[in-house]
């Protein structure tokens, strides 16, 4: 595989792309609200946007949420009030209503600055919901959403039966890539890894960037043997995909399986898979480790 090089854009081109793309607007709003972590490139772009536009950026944020215009200084003040109002609602309702609902409720019912809640397009709401659960660089589920999905899958498994496997893997010696070739090159590697993972996974599987250079995939209806076949194929695909690079890229993989009719806790299953992952790293890297299947009683 030829080494992929990022296309360099000018500062003005990057800003133009962001403002022309509604999904990116929403992505930044969600990140500023604390629902998603920006990657290094996004933080740099956001800082340059603020340097160029100052408090006018807050006017744009409220425009994304409400389709209404507010002066920059007022918008900055309102944004602070909206984020505090969201915390208040979370405490009173014992659930998070999200930044969009908090903004409309505050501006309509508290501040009295909007006569009625504007209707947000279905496509934009779908994009908002999707971005809120996704990692900014790879597009995979983030850790919080992954844990929620794992809990749901374990509950479904306990109710209806069937095995469930969890595969967790980590890039080997990834720090050396960042240190030698730079974080932008590291980001390219992470994105390529996520693309390989998505191609290997089924539609019913849940793929996630667990954090940093660690990834995870939930495999419903997959037993330990089948999970090993999946993981070994994934390991080989990663190694082959980067063989023409000036640096090797390999992964260490750990697998844990919850058998049929077993009531397992999500955190425990993650811990078990993580233990196998670190066993793979400590035994030489670029390999798959898994728990032994329980022996059947005679």
Protein backbone atom coordinates (compact mmCIF):
# COMPACT_ATOMS: atom_id res chain seq x y z
CA UNK A 1 0.00 0.00 0.00
CA UNK A 2 1.36 3.38 -0.94
CA UNK A 3 1.84 5.79 1.88
CA UNK A 4 -1.10 8.15 2.01
CA UNK A 5 -0.28 11.83 2.26
CA UNK A 6 -2.77 14.39 3.61
CA UNK A 7 -3.84 17.05 1.14
CA UNK A 8 -2.56 20.38 2.36
CA UNK A 9 -5.07 23.21 2.41
CA UNK A 10 -4.63 26.86 3.10
CA UNK A 11 -6.04 28.41 6.24
CA UNK A 12 -8.81 30.12 4.26
CA UNK A 13 -9.71 26.89 2.44
CA UNK A 14 -10.05 25.01 5.72
CA UNK A 15 -12.28 27.70 7.18
CA UNK A 16 -14.39 27.75 4.02
CA UNK A 17 -14.80 23.98 4.13
CA UNK A 18 -15.89 24.06 7.75
CA UNK A 19 -18.45 26.81 7.30
CA UNK A 20 -19.82 25.17 4.14
CA UNK A 21 -20.32 21.83 5.90
CA UNK A 22 -23.22 21.73 8.38
CA UNK A 23 -22.04 18.48 9.93
CA UNK A 24 -18.70 19.99 10.86
CA UNK A 25 -20.46 22.96 12.42
CA UNK A 26 -22.47 20.56 14.58
CA UNK A 27 -19.32 18.57 15.36
CA UNK A 28 -17.61 21.62 16.80
CA UNK A 29 -20.71 22.69 18.75
CA UNK A 30 -20.98 19.26 20.35
CA UNK A 31 -17.30 19.28 21.22
CA UNK A 32 -17.54 22.72 22.81
CA UNK A 33 -20.47 21.43 24.86
CA UNK A 34 -18.23 18.67 26.21
CA UNK A 35 -19.89 15.75 24.41
CA UNK A 36 -17.00 14.86 22.14
CA UNK A 37 -13.23 15.26 22.18
CA UNK A 38 -11.61 17.15 19.32
CA UNK A 39 -8.57 15.63 17.68
CA UNK A 40 -5.38 17.69 17.35
CA UNK A 41 -6.18 18.97 13.86
CA UNK A 42 -9.69 20.03 14.86
CA UNK A 43 -8.38 21.86 17.93
CA UNK A 44 -5.95 23.75 15.73
CA UNK A 45 -8.68 24.68 13.24
CA UNK A 46 -11.04 25.75 16.03
CA UNK A 47 -8.36 27.95 17.58
CA UNK A 48 -7.68 29.61 14.25
CA UNK A 49 -11.40 30.15 13.74
CA UNK A 50 -11.61 31.86 17.12
CA UNK A 51 -8.47 33.92 16.41
CA UNK A 52 -10.03 35.16 13.19
CA UNK A 53 -13.62 35.66 14.30
CA UNK A 54 -13.42 36.17 18.06
CA UNK A 55 -16.77 36.20 19.82
CA UNK A 56 -18.47 36.07 16.44
CA UNK A 57 -17.83 32.33 16.65
CA UNK A 58 -20.45 32.12 19.41
CA UNK A 59 -22.99 33.76 17.11
CA UNK A 60 -22.30 30.98 14.62
CA UNK A 61 -22.70 28.33 17.33
CA UNK A 62 -26.15 29.59 18.31
CA UNK A 63 -27.08 29.89 14.66
CA UNK A 64 -26.28 26.19 14.19
CA UNK A 65 -28.49 25.26 17.16
CA UNK A 66 -31.41 27.65 16.65
CA UNK A 67 -31.27 29.15 13.13
CA UNK A 68 -31.45 32.55 14.84
CA UNK A 69 -28.92 35.42 14.84
CA UNK A 70 -27.51 36.91 18.05
CA UNK A 71 -24.87 39.65 18.47
CA UNK A 72 -21.40 38.27 19.37
CA UNK A 73 -21.18 39.52 22.98
CA UNK A 74 -24.73 38.43 23.73
CA UNK A 75 -24.08 35.07 22.07
CA UNK A 76 -21.03 34.46 24.28
CA UNK A 77 -23.08 35.20 27.40
CA UNK A 78 -25.99 33.05 26.22
CA UNK A 79 -23.70 30.12 25.48
CA UNK A 80 -22.44 30.15 29.07
CA UNK A 81 -26.01 30.36 30.35
CA UNK A 82 -27.17 27.51 28.09
CA UNK A 83 -24.41 25.16 29.24
CA UNK A 84 -25.28 25.89 32.88
CA UNK A 85 -28.98 25.39 32.12
CA UNK A 86 -28.16 22.00 30.63
CA UNK A 87 -26.47 20.99 33.92
CA UNK A 88 -29.52 22.14 35.85
CA UNK A 89 -31.85 20.13 33.64
CA UNK A 90 -29.62 17.07 33.99
CA UNK A 91 -29.87 17.31 37.79
CA UNK A 92 -33.64 17.87 37.83
CA UNK A 93 -34.55 15.27 35.22
CA UNK A 94 -31.81 12.75 36.05
CA UNK A 95 -30.92 12.53 32.35
CA UNK A 96 -29.00 14.56 29.81
CA UNK A 97 -31.29 16.42 27.39
CA UNK A 98 -28.41 17.42 25.12
CA UNK A 99 -27.14 20.85 24.15
CA UNK A 100 -29.75 21.44 21.42
CA UNK A 101 -32.76 20.90 23.71
CA UNK A 102 -31.09 22.91 26.50
CA UNK A 103 -30.51 25.83 24.11
CA UNK A 104 -34.10 25.91 22.87
CA UNK A 105 -35.55 25.56 26.37
CA UNK A 106 -33.34 28.32 27.81
CA UNK A 107 -33.86 30.78 24.97
CA UNK A 108 -37.62 30.14 24.81
CA UNK A 109 -38.69 29.58 28.41
CA UNK A 110 -35.99 31.28 30.51
CA UNK A 111 -34.55 34.15 28.50
CA UNK A 112 -37.70 34.73 26.42
CA UNK A 113 -35.59 35.47 23.34
CA UNK A 114 -37.37 32.99 21.09
CA UNK A 115 -41.13 32.94 20.66
CA UNK A 116 -41.19 29.27 19.71
CA UNK A 117 -38.83 26.39 19.17
CA UNK A 118 -37.67 26.15 15.59
CA UNK A 119 -37.97 22.81 13.86
CA UNK A 120 -34.59 21.32 13.04
CA UNK A 121 -34.38 19.32 9.83
CA UNK A 122 -34.53 15.54 10.29
CA UNK A 123 -31.24 15.07 8.44
CA UNK A 124 -29.49 17.58 10.71
CA UNK A 125 -30.88 15.98 13.86
CA UNK A 126 -29.73 12.58 12.58
CA UNK A 127 -26.28 14.04 11.94
CA UNK A 128 -26.25 15.61 15.41
CA UNK A 129 -27.14 12.32 17.07
CA UNK A 130 -24.53 10.45 15.05
CA UNK A 131 -21.70 12.91 15.68
CA UNK A 132 -22.43 12.95 19.42
CA UNK A 133 -21.58 9.25 19.65
CA UNK A 134 -18.62 9.14 17.25
CA UNK A 135 -14.89 9.64 17.51
CA UNK A 136 -13.88 12.74 15.57
CA UNK A 137 -10.91 11.23 13.72
CA UNK A 138 -12.04 7.71 12.82
CA UNK A 139 -15.83 7.98 12.72
CA UNK A 140 -16.08 4.90 14.96
CA UNK A 141 -18.12 4.89 18.16
CA UNK A 142 -16.39 6.59 21.07
CA UNK A 143 -15.70 4.89 24.41
CA UNK A 144 -18.86 6.12 26.16
CA UNK A 145 -21.14 4.98 23.34
CA UNK A 146 -19.25 1.70 23.02
CA UNK A 147 -19.80 0.87 26.69
CA UNK A 148 -23.49 1.69 26.35
CA UNK A 149 -23.78 -0.57 23.30
CA UNK A 150 -21.93 -3.39 25.08
CA UNK A 151 -24.32 -3.16 28.03
CA UNK A 152 -27.29 -3.35 25.64
CA UNK A 153 -25.81 -6.33 23.79
CA UNK A 154 -25.17 -8.21 27.04
CA UNK A 155 -28.74 -7.56 28.18
CA UNK A 156 -30.04 -8.79 24.83
CA UNK A 157 -27.83 -11.86 25.04
CA UNK A 158 -29.02 -12.71 28.56
CA UNK A 159 -32.64 -12.38 27.41
CA UNK A 160 -32.41 -14.35 24.16
CA UNK A 161 -29.27 -16.49 24.49
CA UNK A 162 -26.39 -17.02 22.10
CA UNK A 163 -22.69 -16.21 22.59
CA UNK A 164 -21.11 -12.75 22.46
CA UNK A 165 -17.43 -11.94 21.98
CA UNK A 166 -15.44 -8.80 22.62
CA UNK A 167 -12.24 -8.11 20.68
CA UNK A 168 -9.89 -5.36 21.84
CA UNK A 169 -6.65 -4.45 20.09
CA UNK A 170 -3.87 -1.93 20.39
CA UNK A 171 -1.32 -0.65 17.85
CA UNK A 172 2.18 -1.87 18.62
CA UNK A 173 4.82 0.80 19.33
CA UNK A 174 2.52 3.54 18.04
CA UNK A 175 4.34 6.21 20.05
CA UNK A 176 7.44 5.71 17.91
CA UNK A 177 5.41 6.57 14.78
CA UNK A 178 4.20 9.81 16.34
CA UNK A 179 7.67 10.66 17.64
CA UNK A 180 9.45 9.91 14.35
CA UNK A 181 6.94 10.94 11.69
CA UNK A 182 4.66 13.37 13.55
CA UNK A 183 1.11 13.25 14.91
CA UNK A 184 -0.44 14.01 11.52
CA UNK A 185 1.10 10.80 10.18
CA UNK A 186 -0.11 9.00 13.30
CA UNK A 187 -3.64 10.24 12.61
CA UNK A 188 -3.44 8.82 9.07
CA UNK A 189 -2.45 5.44 10.49
CA UNK A 190 -5.34 5.48 12.97
CA UNK A 191 -7.82 6.38 10.23
CA UNK A 192 -6.51 3.60 7.98
CA UNK A 193 -6.75 1.11 10.83
CA UNK A 194 -10.36 2.12 11.47
CA UNK A 195 -11.17 1.65 7.76
CA UNK A 196 -9.68 -1.85 7.82
CA UNK A 197 -11.69 -2.69 10.95
CA UNK A 198 -14.96 -1.51 9.40
CA UNK A 199 -14.35 -3.57 6.26
CA UNK A 200 -13.71 -6.72 8.33
CA UNK A 201 -16.73 -6.24 10.64
CA UNK A 202 -20.32 -7.23 9.92
CA UNK A 203 -23.24 -4.81 9.90
CA UNK A 204 -24.43 -6.07 13.29
CA UNK A 205 -21.01 -5.62 14.92
CA UNK A 206 -20.12 -2.49 16.91
CA UNK A 207 -16.72 -0.96 16.13
CA UNK A 208 -15.18 1.65 18.41
CA UNK A 209 -12.07 3.65 19.10
CA UNK A 210 -11.71 2.84 22.77
CA UNK A 211 -9.07 5.51 23.35
CA UNK A 212 -5.76 6.63 21.90
CA UNK A 213 -4.49 3.78 19.73
CA UNK A 214 -6.81 1.15 21.28
CA UNK A 215 -9.84 -0.17 19.41
CA UNK A 216 -12.69 -2.55 20.22
CA UNK A 217 -15.38 -4.50 18.40
CA UNK A 218 -18.45 -6.24 19.81
CA UNK A 219 -19.31 -9.49 17.97
CA UNK A 220 -22.87 -10.68 18.74
CA UNK A 221 -23.62 -14.36 18.13
CA UNK A 222 -19.90 -15.13 17.81
CA UNK A 223 -18.22 -17.78 19.98
CA UNK A 224 -14.57 -17.89 21.03
CA UNK A 225 -13.39 -19.93 18.04
CA UNK A 226 -15.09 -17.66 15.49
CA UNK A 227 -13.85 -14.56 17.33
CA UNK A 228 -10.28 -15.86 17.07
CA UNK A 229 -10.69 -16.35 13.30
CA UNK A 230 -11.99 -12.77 12.99
CA UNK A 231 -9.17 -11.35 15.12
CA UNK A 232 -6.43 -13.28 13.34
CA UNK A 233 -7.74 -12.18 9.94
CA UNK A 234 -7.84 -8.57 11.16
CA UNK A 235 -4.28 -8.81 12.48
CA UNK A 236 -3.01 -10.12 9.16
CA UNK A 237 -4.91 -7.47 7.15
CA UNK A 238 -3.34 -4.69 9.21
CA UNK A 239 0.16 -6.09 8.82
CA UNK A 240 -0.28 -6.59 5.05
CA UNK A 241 -1.82 -3.16 4.48
CA UNK A 242 1.24 -1.35 5.84
CA UNK A 243 3.99 -3.61 4.49
CA UNK A 244 5.09 -1.02 1.89
CA UNK A 245 5.32 1.76 4.47
CA UNK A 246 8.71 3.02 5.74
CA UNK A 247 7.60 1.77 9.17
CA UNK A 248 5.75 -1.43 10.19
CA UNK A 249 2.26 -1.29 11.68
CA UNK A 250 1.03 -4.29 13.68
CA UNK A 251 -1.58 -4.89 16.35
CA UNK A 252 -1.85 -6.96 19.51
CA UNK A 253 -5.29 -8.44 20.13
CA UNK A 254 -7.17 -9.76 23.13
CA UNK A 255 -10.47 -11.67 23.11
CA UNK A 256 -13.03 -12.43 25.79
CA UNK A 257 -16.27 -14.32 25.18
CA UNK A 258 -19.46 -14.42 27.19
CA UNK A 259 -21.10 -17.82 26.66
CA UNK A 260 -24.81 -18.41 26.21
CA UNK A 261 -27.04 -17.75 29.24
CA UNK A 262 -24.24 -16.11 31.23
CA UNK A 263 -25.01 -12.84 33.02
CA UNK A 264 -21.78 -10.89 32.58
CA UNK A 265 -21.07 -7.29 33.56
CA UNK A 266 -19.85 -5.02 30.73
CA UNK A 267 -16.91 -3.72 32.77
CA UNK A 268 -15.84 -7.27 33.64
CA UNK A 269 -15.94 -8.35 30.00
CA UNK A 270 -13.82 -5.34 29.02
CA UNK A 271 -11.36 -6.16 31.81
CA UNK A 272 -11.07 -9.76 30.63
CA UNK A 273 -10.47 -8.76 27.00
CA UNK A 274 -7.96 -6.14 28.13
CA UNK A 275 -6.06 -8.76 30.15
CA UNK A 276 -5.71 -10.87 27.01
CA UNK A 277 -4.60 -7.82 25.03
CA UNK A 278 -1.79 -7.09 27.45
CA UNK A 279 -0.84 -10.76 27.47
CA UNK A 280 -0.42 -10.45 23.68
CA UNK A 281 1.76 -7.36 24.06
CA UNK A 282 3.88 -8.86 26.82
CA UNK A 283 4.46 -12.08 24.88
CA UNK A 284 5.96 -10.41 21.82
CA UNK A 285 3.24 -8.26 20.17
CA UNK A 286 1.62 -8.79 16.75
CA UNK A 287 -0.44 -11.72 17.98
CA UNK A 288 -3.88 -12.72 19.27
CA UNK A 289 -4.47 -13.98 22.81
CA UNK A 290 -7.73 -15.38 24.13
CA UNK A 291 -9.14 -17.00 27.21
CA UNK A 292 -9.29 -20.77 27.39
CA UNK A 293 -12.70 -22.21 26.70
CA UNK A 294 -14.29 -23.63 29.87
CA UNK A 295 -14.13 -27.41 30.01
CA UNK A 296 -17.46 -29.14 29.65
CA UNK A 297 -18.53 -31.42 32.47
CA UNK A 298 -18.64 -35.09 31.58
